[in-house]
Amino acid sequence: MTGTPAANLALVTGASRGLGFALAAALGARGWHVLAVARTVGGLEELDDRIGAQGGTATLAPLNVADGGAMEHLAASIGARWGGLGLWVHAAIQAAPLSPASHVDAKEMEKSIATNLRATATLIPLLDPLLRVAGGTAMFLDDPRAGERFFGVYGATKAAQIALARSWQAETQRIGPRVVIAAPRPMATATRARFFPGEDRSALADIHDEAQRLLALL
């Protein structure tokens, strides 16, 4: 939608499932034009259907955030088509299987670094000027697992991502863009089910309710 003002454009990375899906759907229902990025085409198409049923609009971008060239092309396309960006919600995550630190799988570590840290480090400088020109906001989702038993790969790479986001937040307090770091409550997601199999899920937050709570922080 080339007629969408940049301030009404929301980029959601990791939009095809879980909390990213719920946040993207909620943004679409609130009148944002959602630019949804994820690797899973089927999930993106389901999101598009949901947003459309709510009267909203979306643009689907089946891309891997760990592909630096693809992210450069994405940022250039946003600039050329919309001129800026009103909101970036970074929900993309690589959740490595739990394992003792003494048995870290090198391939899982590399995938986690690529998605959780390197992609974030690539996207921040690409999206910073687009957010700044539109007076936009970036949102990161914290999950403080660093130092917990068996969370070595996920905990370390997620903590590194949030450390980078906090540095950006401190650097941009006066000049923008605004950077929000929020901690979602425990939710009934597929990722959590892998981390905590057999857990009583009745006590966990609904992802759509949690999406509404988080967006209220913006």
Protein backbone atom coordinates (compact mmCIF):
# COMPACT_ATOMS: atom_id res chain seq x y z
CA MET A 1 0.00 0.00 0.00
CA THR A 2 2.03 2.94 -1.26
CA GLY A 3 -0.57 5.36 0.14
CA THR A 4 0.19 4.29 3.73
CA PRO A 5 1.93 7.08 5.67
CA ALA A 6 5.29 6.00 7.05
CA ALA A 7 4.08 6.73 10.60
CA ASN A 8 1.33 4.10 10.15
CA LEU A 9 3.67 1.36 8.92
CA ALA A 10 4.59 -1.37 11.42
CA LEU A 11 7.36 -3.87 10.65
CA VAL A 12 7.07 -7.10 12.64
CA THR A 13 10.03 -9.45 12.33
CA GLY A 14 9.14 -12.99 13.39
CA ALA A 15 5.47 -12.49 12.53
CA SER A 16 4.39 -15.97 11.47
CA ARG A 17 3.87 -17.62 14.85
CA GLY A 18 3.59 -17.14 18.59
CA LEU A 19 3.72 -13.69 20.12
CA GLY A 20 5.00 -12.12 16.89
CA PHE A 21 1.87 -13.36 15.10
CA ALA A 22 -0.37 -12.06 17.89
CA LEU A 23 1.33 -8.65 17.92
CA ALA A 24 1.09 -8.33 14.15
CA ALA A 25 -2.60 -9.28 14.20
CA ALA A 26 -3.31 -6.78 16.98
CA LEU A 27 -1.48 -4.02 15.14
CA GLY A 28 -3.48 -4.73 11.98
CA ALA A 29 -6.70 -4.49 13.96
CA ARG A 30 -5.55 -1.11 15.33
CA GLY A 31 -5.18 0.37 11.87
CA TRP A 32 -1.47 -0.13 11.25
CA HIS A 33 -0.37 -1.43 7.87
CA VAL A 34 1.69 -4.45 8.90
CA LEU A 35 4.85 -5.43 7.04
CA ALA A 36 5.19 -9.02 8.25
CA VAL A 37 8.57 -10.76 8.00
CA ALA A 38 9.16 -14.46 8.71
CA ARG A 39 10.46 -17.59 7.04
CA THR A 40 7.20 -19.55 7.29
CA VAL A 41 5.00 -18.69 4.30
CA GLY A 42 1.98 -20.57 5.63
CA GLY A 43 2.07 -18.66 8.89
CA LEU A 44 2.33 -15.35 7.05
CA GLU A 45 -0.64 -16.24 4.88
CA GLU A 46 -2.68 -17.14 7.96
CA LEU A 47 -1.71 -13.79 9.48
CA ASP A 48 -2.76 -11.97 6.31
CA ASP A 49 -6.16 -13.68 6.43
CA ARG A 50 -6.65 -12.71 10.08
CA ILE A 51 -5.66 -9.10 9.52
CA GLY A 52 -7.90 -8.88 6.46
CA ALA A 53 -10.85 -10.34 8.39
CA GLN A 54 -10.39 -7.56 10.94
CA GLY A 55 -10.46 -4.91 8.22
CA GLY A 56 -6.71 -4.34 8.26
CA THR A 57 -3.99 -4.58 5.64
CA ALA A 58 -0.63 -6.29 5.46
CA THR A 59 2.36 -6.80 3.20
CA LEU A 60 4.03 -10.19 3.48
CA ALA A 61 7.80 -10.59 3.25
CA PRO A 62 8.89 -14.25 3.49
CA LEU A 63 12.49 -13.56 4.48
CA ASN A 64 15.06 -14.86 6.94
CA VAL A 65 16.23 -12.11 9.31
CA ALA A 66 19.61 -13.86 9.47
CA ASP A 67 20.14 -13.13 5.76
CA GLY A 68 21.96 -9.80 5.84
CA GLY A 69 21.51 -9.14 2.14
CA ALA A 70 17.77 -9.74 2.39
CA MET A 71 17.52 -7.32 5.32
CA GLU A 72 19.43 -4.65 3.40
CA HIS A 73 17.00 -5.08 0.50
CA LEU A 74 14.04 -4.94 2.91
CA ALA A 75 15.22 -1.68 4.47
CA ALA A 76 15.88 -0.14 1.05
CA SER A 77 12.41 -1.19 -0.09
CA ILE A 78 10.79 0.37 2.98
CA GLY A 79 12.59 3.62 2.29
CA ALA A 80 11.69 3.64 -1.40
CA ARG A 81 8.03 2.67 -0.91
CA TRP A 82 7.05 4.36 2.35
CA GLY A 83 9.88 6.78 3.12
CA GLY A 84 10.12 5.75 6.77
CA LEU A 85 8.85 3.41 9.46
CA GLY A 86 6.49 4.07 12.36
CA LEU A 87 7.11 0.94 14.40
CA TRP A 88 9.44 -2.04 14.46
CA VAL A 89 8.55 -5.01 16.67
CA HIS A 90 11.42 -7.48 16.78
CA ALA A 91 9.93 -10.87 17.70
CA ALA A 92 12.18 -13.12 15.60
CA ILE A 93 14.01 -15.64 17.76
CA GLN A 94 15.99 -18.85 17.49
CA ALA A 95 15.13 -21.04 20.47
CA ALA A 96 17.85 -23.68 20.68
CA PRO A 97 17.06 -26.96 22.43
CA LEU A 98 17.98 -27.04 26.09
CA SER A 99 21.31 -28.65 26.89
CA PRO A 100 24.09 -28.49 29.49
CA ALA A 101 26.72 -25.87 28.78
CA SER A 102 29.24 -28.68 28.51
CA HIS A 103 27.29 -30.16 25.61
CA VAL A 104 26.59 -27.08 23.51
CA ASP A 105 25.98 -27.97 19.88
CA ALA A 106 28.12 -25.77 17.63
CA LYS A 107 25.50 -25.61 14.87
CA GLU A 108 22.77 -24.58 17.31
CA MET A 109 25.04 -21.90 18.74
CA GLU A 110 25.79 -20.51 15.29
CA LYS A 111 22.10 -20.44 14.31
CA SER A 112 21.25 -18.71 17.58
CA ILE A 113 24.00 -16.13 17.17
CA ALA A 114 22.91 -15.49 13.58
CA THR A 115 19.23 -14.92 14.44
CA ASN A 116 19.30 -13.55 17.97
CA LEU A 117 22.37 -11.33 17.82
CA ARG A 118 23.79 -10.82 14.35
CA ALA A 119 20.40 -10.13 12.74
CA THR A 120 19.63 -7.57 15.44
CA ALA A 121 23.00 -5.93 14.90
CA THR A 122 22.26 -5.80 11.17
CA LEU A 123 18.73 -4.45 11.49
CA ILE A 124 19.34 -1.67 14.01
CA PRO A 125 21.56 0.48 11.75
CA LEU A 126 19.36 -0.27 8.74
CA LEU A 127 16.11 0.70 10.45
CA ASP A 128 17.34 3.52 12.71
CA PRO A 129 17.14 6.23 10.00
CA LEU A 130 13.75 4.97 8.80
CA LEU A 131 12.33 5.09 12.32
CA ARG A 132 13.89 8.46 13.02
CA VAL A 133 12.40 10.15 9.98
CA ALA A 134 8.91 8.99 10.96
CA GLY A 135 9.26 9.62 14.69
CA GLY A 136 8.99 5.87 15.15
CA THR A 137 9.46 3.33 17.93
CA ALA A 138 11.31 0.01 18.17
CA MET A 139 10.13 -2.73 20.55
CA PHE A 140 12.24 -5.64 21.80
CA LEU A 141 10.94 -8.57 23.81
CA ASP A 142 13.10 -9.63 26.73
CA ASP A 143 13.25 -13.17 28.09
CA PRO A 144 15.89 -13.16 30.85
CA ARG A 145 17.13 -16.75 30.87
CA ALA A 146 20.85 -15.99 31.05
CA GLY A 147 22.57 -18.12 33.64
CA GLU A 148 19.71 -20.59 34.08
CA ARG A 149 20.44 -24.31 33.93
CA PHE A 150 20.37 -25.74 30.39
CA PHE A 151 19.54 -22.35 28.82
CA GLY A 152 23.16 -21.63 27.87
CA VAL A 153 22.72 -21.10 24.12
CA TYR A 154 19.34 -19.40 24.20
CA GLY A 155 20.02 -17.44 27.39
CA ALA A 156 23.39 -16.13 26.25
CA THR A 157 22.32 -15.06 22.75
CA LYS A 158 19.03 -13.55 23.92
CA ALA A 159 20.86 -11.62 26.64
CA ALA A 160 23.32 -10.34 24.04
CA GLN A 161 20.43 -9.17 21.86
CA ILE A 162 18.84 -7.25 24.73
CA ALA A 163 22.21 -5.77 25.78
CA LEU A 164 22.58 -4.37 22.27
CA ALA A 165 19.02 -3.02 22.37
CA ARG A 166 19.67 -1.36 25.74
CA SER A 167 22.75 0.39 24.36
CA TRP A 168 20.69 1.68 21.41
CA GLN A 169 17.98 2.76 23.85
CA ALA A 170 20.47 4.75 25.93
CA GLU A 171 22.02 6.35 22.86
CA THR A 172 18.72 7.49 21.36
CA GLN A 173 16.92 8.93 24.39
CA ARG A 174 17.34 12.50 23.14
CA ILE A 175 17.49 12.10 19.38
CA GLY A 176 15.20 9.13 18.77
CA PRO A 177 14.01 6.70 17.74
CA ARG A 178 12.25 5.58 20.91
CA VAL A 179 13.32 2.09 21.99
CA VAL A 180 11.01 0.05 24.24
CA ILE A 181 12.18 -3.17 25.91
CA ALA A 182 9.32 -5.18 27.37
CA ALA A 183 9.23 -8.51 29.21
CA PRO A 184 6.26 -10.67 28.16
CA ARG A 185 4.61 -12.79 30.81
CA PRO A 186 4.88 -16.59 30.49
CA MET A 187 2.61 -17.58 27.60
CA ALA A 188 1.20 -20.77 26.15
CA THR A 189 3.43 -20.86 23.07
CA ALA A 190 5.00 -23.74 21.17
CA THR A 191 8.46 -22.47 22.14
CA ARG A 192 7.63 -22.55 25.83
CA ALA A 193 6.16 -26.04 25.44
CA ARG A 194 9.54 -27.22 24.13
CA PHE A 195 11.32 -25.61 27.08
CA PHE A 196 8.84 -26.83 29.70
CA PRO A 197 7.13 -30.01 28.49
CA GLY A 198 4.30 -31.20 30.69
CA GLU A 199 3.80 -27.78 32.29
CA ASP A 200 0.28 -26.83 33.40
CA ARG A 201 -0.57 -24.40 30.62
CA SER A 202 -3.83 -23.23 32.20
CA ALA A 203 -1.88 -20.73 34.33
CA LEU A 204 -0.08 -19.20 31.32
CA ALA A 205 -1.09 -15.98 29.62
CA ASP A 206 -2.95 -16.05 26.30
CA ILE A 207 -0.71 -14.69 23.55
CA HIS A 208 -3.41 -12.39 22.18
CA ASP A 209 -4.14 -10.91 25.61
CA GLU A 210 -0.42 -10.45 26.14
CA ALA A 211 -0.06 -8.75 22.76
CA GLN A 212 -2.67 -6.19 23.79
CA ARG A 213 -0.89 -5.58 27.10
CA LEU A 214 2.47 -5.06 25.40
CA LEU A 215 1.12 -2.72 22.75
CA ALA A 216 -0.37 -0.58 25.50
CA LEU A 217 3.23 0.22 26.48
CA LEU A 218 3.87 2.00 23.19
